[in-house]
Amino acid sequence: DALAQWQLSRLIAHGLVAEIGCDSMSWCKSAAEQGYALAQFDLSQCYHNGEGVPKDPAQATRWCRLAADQQMVEAGYWLGYYLRDGSGVPQSDAASAVWLRKAASRGHCAAQRLLGFLYTSTKERTACKWLKNSRDNGS
């Protein structure tokens, strides 16, 4: 099942088990293709960082969006980050704010901080609120 495949990919990636006929990326991709959000997010980060696959911002964003659509908070933050920077997708502050707000409202400190910075030039009061939340939550 997808969970077992993802867990096996993590064990191989961290050198805790020897490869068993397939590398970590193959197991992770298989789990991601089955819709497992953690695997989709891990695959997104691999494409973002070029770990085990060529660096590919469009693929990073694609897999990240799939995980974020399943309410994965960390993926929502990264999707907002990609949209803000135009990494693999057209740049959009409005779309970025939507995803960052979702993650920020669930307590994600980095999302709160980035959302605050995003609002500094247009909505000072809202920016202050999110930057204060980020500070209060330890970021």
Protein backbone atom coordinates (compact mmCIF):
# COMPACT_ATOMS: atom_id res chain seq x y z
CA ASP A 1 0.00 0.00 0.00
CA ALA A 2 1.01 3.66 -0.39
CA LEU A 3 1.89 4.18 3.28
CA ALA A 4 4.22 1.16 3.32
CA GLN A 5 5.86 2.26 0.07
CA TRP A 6 6.44 5.77 1.41
CA GLN A 7 7.84 4.41 4.69
CA LEU A 8 10.18 2.11 2.79
CA SER A 9 11.36 5.05 0.67
CA ARG A 10 12.24 6.99 3.84
CA LEU A 11 14.12 4.03 5.35
CA ILE A 12 16.16 3.57 2.16
CA ALA A 13 16.81 7.32 1.85
CA HIS A 14 18.16 7.43 5.40
CA GLY A 15 20.30 4.31 4.90
CA LEU A 16 18.40 2.27 7.47
CA VAL A 17 17.71 -0.61 5.09
CA ALA A 18 19.52 -1.80 1.99
CA GLU A 19 17.83 -1.20 -1.33
CA ILE A 20 15.60 -4.09 -2.32
CA GLY A 21 15.52 -3.99 -6.09
CA CYS A 22 14.35 -0.39 -6.24
CA ASP A 23 15.65 2.96 -5.05
CA SER A 24 14.03 5.30 -2.57
CA MET A 25 12.69 7.60 -5.28
CA SER A 26 10.83 4.77 -7.02
CA TRP A 27 9.00 3.82 -3.81
CA CYS A 28 8.22 7.44 -3.00
CA LYS A 29 6.91 8.15 -6.50
CA SER A 30 4.75 5.03 -6.44
CA ALA A 31 3.16 6.12 -3.16
CA ALA A 32 2.73 9.68 -4.46
CA GLU A 33 1.01 8.44 -7.62
CA GLN A 34 -1.43 6.55 -5.39
CA GLY A 35 -2.39 9.84 -3.75
CA TYR A 36 -0.46 9.58 -0.47
CA ALA A 37 0.04 13.20 0.64
CA LEU A 38 3.30 12.72 2.57
CA ALA A 39 4.86 11.01 -0.43
CA GLN A 40 3.58 13.75 -2.74
CA PHE A 41 5.15 16.37 -0.50
CA ASP A 42 8.45 14.46 -0.24
CA LEU A 43 8.54 14.10 -4.02
CA SER A 44 7.87 17.82 -4.32
CA GLN A 45 10.84 18.59 -2.09
CA CYS A 46 13.05 16.21 -4.11
CA TYR A 47 12.18 18.08 -7.30
CA HIS A 48 12.66 21.42 -5.54
CA ASN A 49 16.12 20.48 -4.24
CA GLY A 50 17.22 18.20 -7.08
CA GLU A 51 17.61 15.20 -4.75
CA GLY A 52 17.41 11.91 -6.63
CA VAL A 53 15.85 13.67 -9.62
CA PRO A 54 16.82 16.67 -11.72
CA LYS A 55 15.76 19.97 -10.18
CA ASP A 56 12.35 20.81 -11.70
CA PRO A 57 10.30 23.70 -10.24
CA ALA A 58 7.20 22.79 -12.26
CA GLN A 59 7.21 19.22 -10.93
CA ALA A 60 7.93 20.46 -7.41
CA THR A 61 4.90 22.72 -7.59
CA ARG A 62 2.70 20.04 -9.17
CA TRP A 63 3.37 17.48 -6.43
CA CYS A 64 3.18 20.12 -3.72
CA ARG A 65 -0.26 21.23 -4.92
CA LEU A 66 -1.53 17.64 -4.77
CA ALA A 67 -0.40 17.34 -1.15
CA ALA A 68 -1.74 20.79 -0.25
CA ASP A 69 -5.11 19.91 -1.77
CA GLN A 70 -5.26 17.15 0.87
CA GLN A 71 -4.93 19.75 3.65
CA MET A 72 -1.25 19.08 4.38
CA VAL A 73 -0.20 22.27 6.17
CA GLU A 74 3.50 22.15 5.26
CA ALA A 75 2.62 21.61 1.59
CA GLY A 76 0.24 24.58 1.74
CA TYR A 77 3.06 26.76 3.02
CA TRP A 78 5.45 25.63 0.28
CA LEU A 79 2.80 26.06 -2.41
CA GLY A 80 2.25 29.62 -1.21
CA TYR A 81 6.02 30.14 -1.29
CA TYR A 82 6.28 28.80 -4.87
CA LEU A 83 3.37 30.97 -6.02
CA ARG A 84 4.86 34.07 -4.41
CA ASP A 85 8.18 33.50 -6.17
CA GLY A 86 6.77 32.18 -9.44
CA SER A 87 8.71 28.94 -9.02
CA GLY A 88 7.35 26.47 -11.57
CA VAL A 89 4.12 28.48 -11.94
CA PRO A 90 3.19 32.03 -12.90
CA GLN A 91 3.88 34.40 -9.99
CA SER A 92 0.71 35.37 -8.10
CA ASP A 93 0.59 37.21 -4.79
CA ALA A 94 -3.17 36.62 -4.60
CA ALA A 95 -2.91 32.84 -5.04
CA SER A 96 0.10 32.79 -2.71
CA ALA A 97 -1.90 34.58 -0.02
CA VAL A 98 -4.71 32.00 -0.26
CA TRP A 99 -2.37 29.08 0.46
CA LEU A 100 -0.28 30.93 3.03
CA ARG A 101 -3.45 31.98 4.86
CA LYS A 102 -4.60 28.35 5.04
CA ALA A 103 -1.29 27.25 6.55
CA ALA A 104 -0.98 30.33 8.77
CA SER A 105 -4.45 29.89 10.21
CA ARG A 106 -3.42 26.37 11.26
CA GLY A 107 -0.43 27.74 13.18
CA HIS A 108 2.38 27.37 10.64
CA CYS A 109 4.90 30.00 11.83
CA ALA A 110 6.80 30.41 8.58
CA ALA A 111 3.51 30.83 6.70
CA GLN A 112 2.43 33.49 9.21
CA ARG A 113 5.70 35.35 8.72
CA LEU A 114 5.67 35.11 4.91
CA LEU A 115 2.01 36.16 4.81
CA GLY A 116 2.87 39.15 6.98
CA PHE A 117 5.65 40.16 4.60
CA LEU A 118 3.35 39.65 1.63
CA TYR A 119 0.83 42.08 3.12
CA THR A 120 3.28 44.78 4.26
CA SER A 121 2.83 46.96 1.19
CA THR A 122 -0.96 46.65 0.89
CA LYS A 123 -2.58 45.75 4.20
CA GLU A 124 -0.51 47.02 7.10
CA ARG A 125 -2.95 45.97 9.82
CA THR A 126 -3.24 42.44 8.42
CA ALA A 127 0.54 42.28 8.01
CA CYS A 128 1.03 43.25 11.65
CA LYS A 129 -1.45 40.59 12.78
CA TRP A 130 0.36 37.77 10.95
CA LEU A 131 3.84 38.97 11.91
CA LYS A 132 2.75 39.18 15.56
CA ASN A 133 1.28 35.66 15.36
CA SER A 134 4.53 34.40 13.88
CA ARG A 135 6.55 36.03 16.66
CA ASP A 136 4.22 34.67 19.34
CA ASN A 137 4.46 31.17 17.87
CA GLY A 138 8.23 31.16 17.99
CA SER A 139 9.31 32.12 14.51
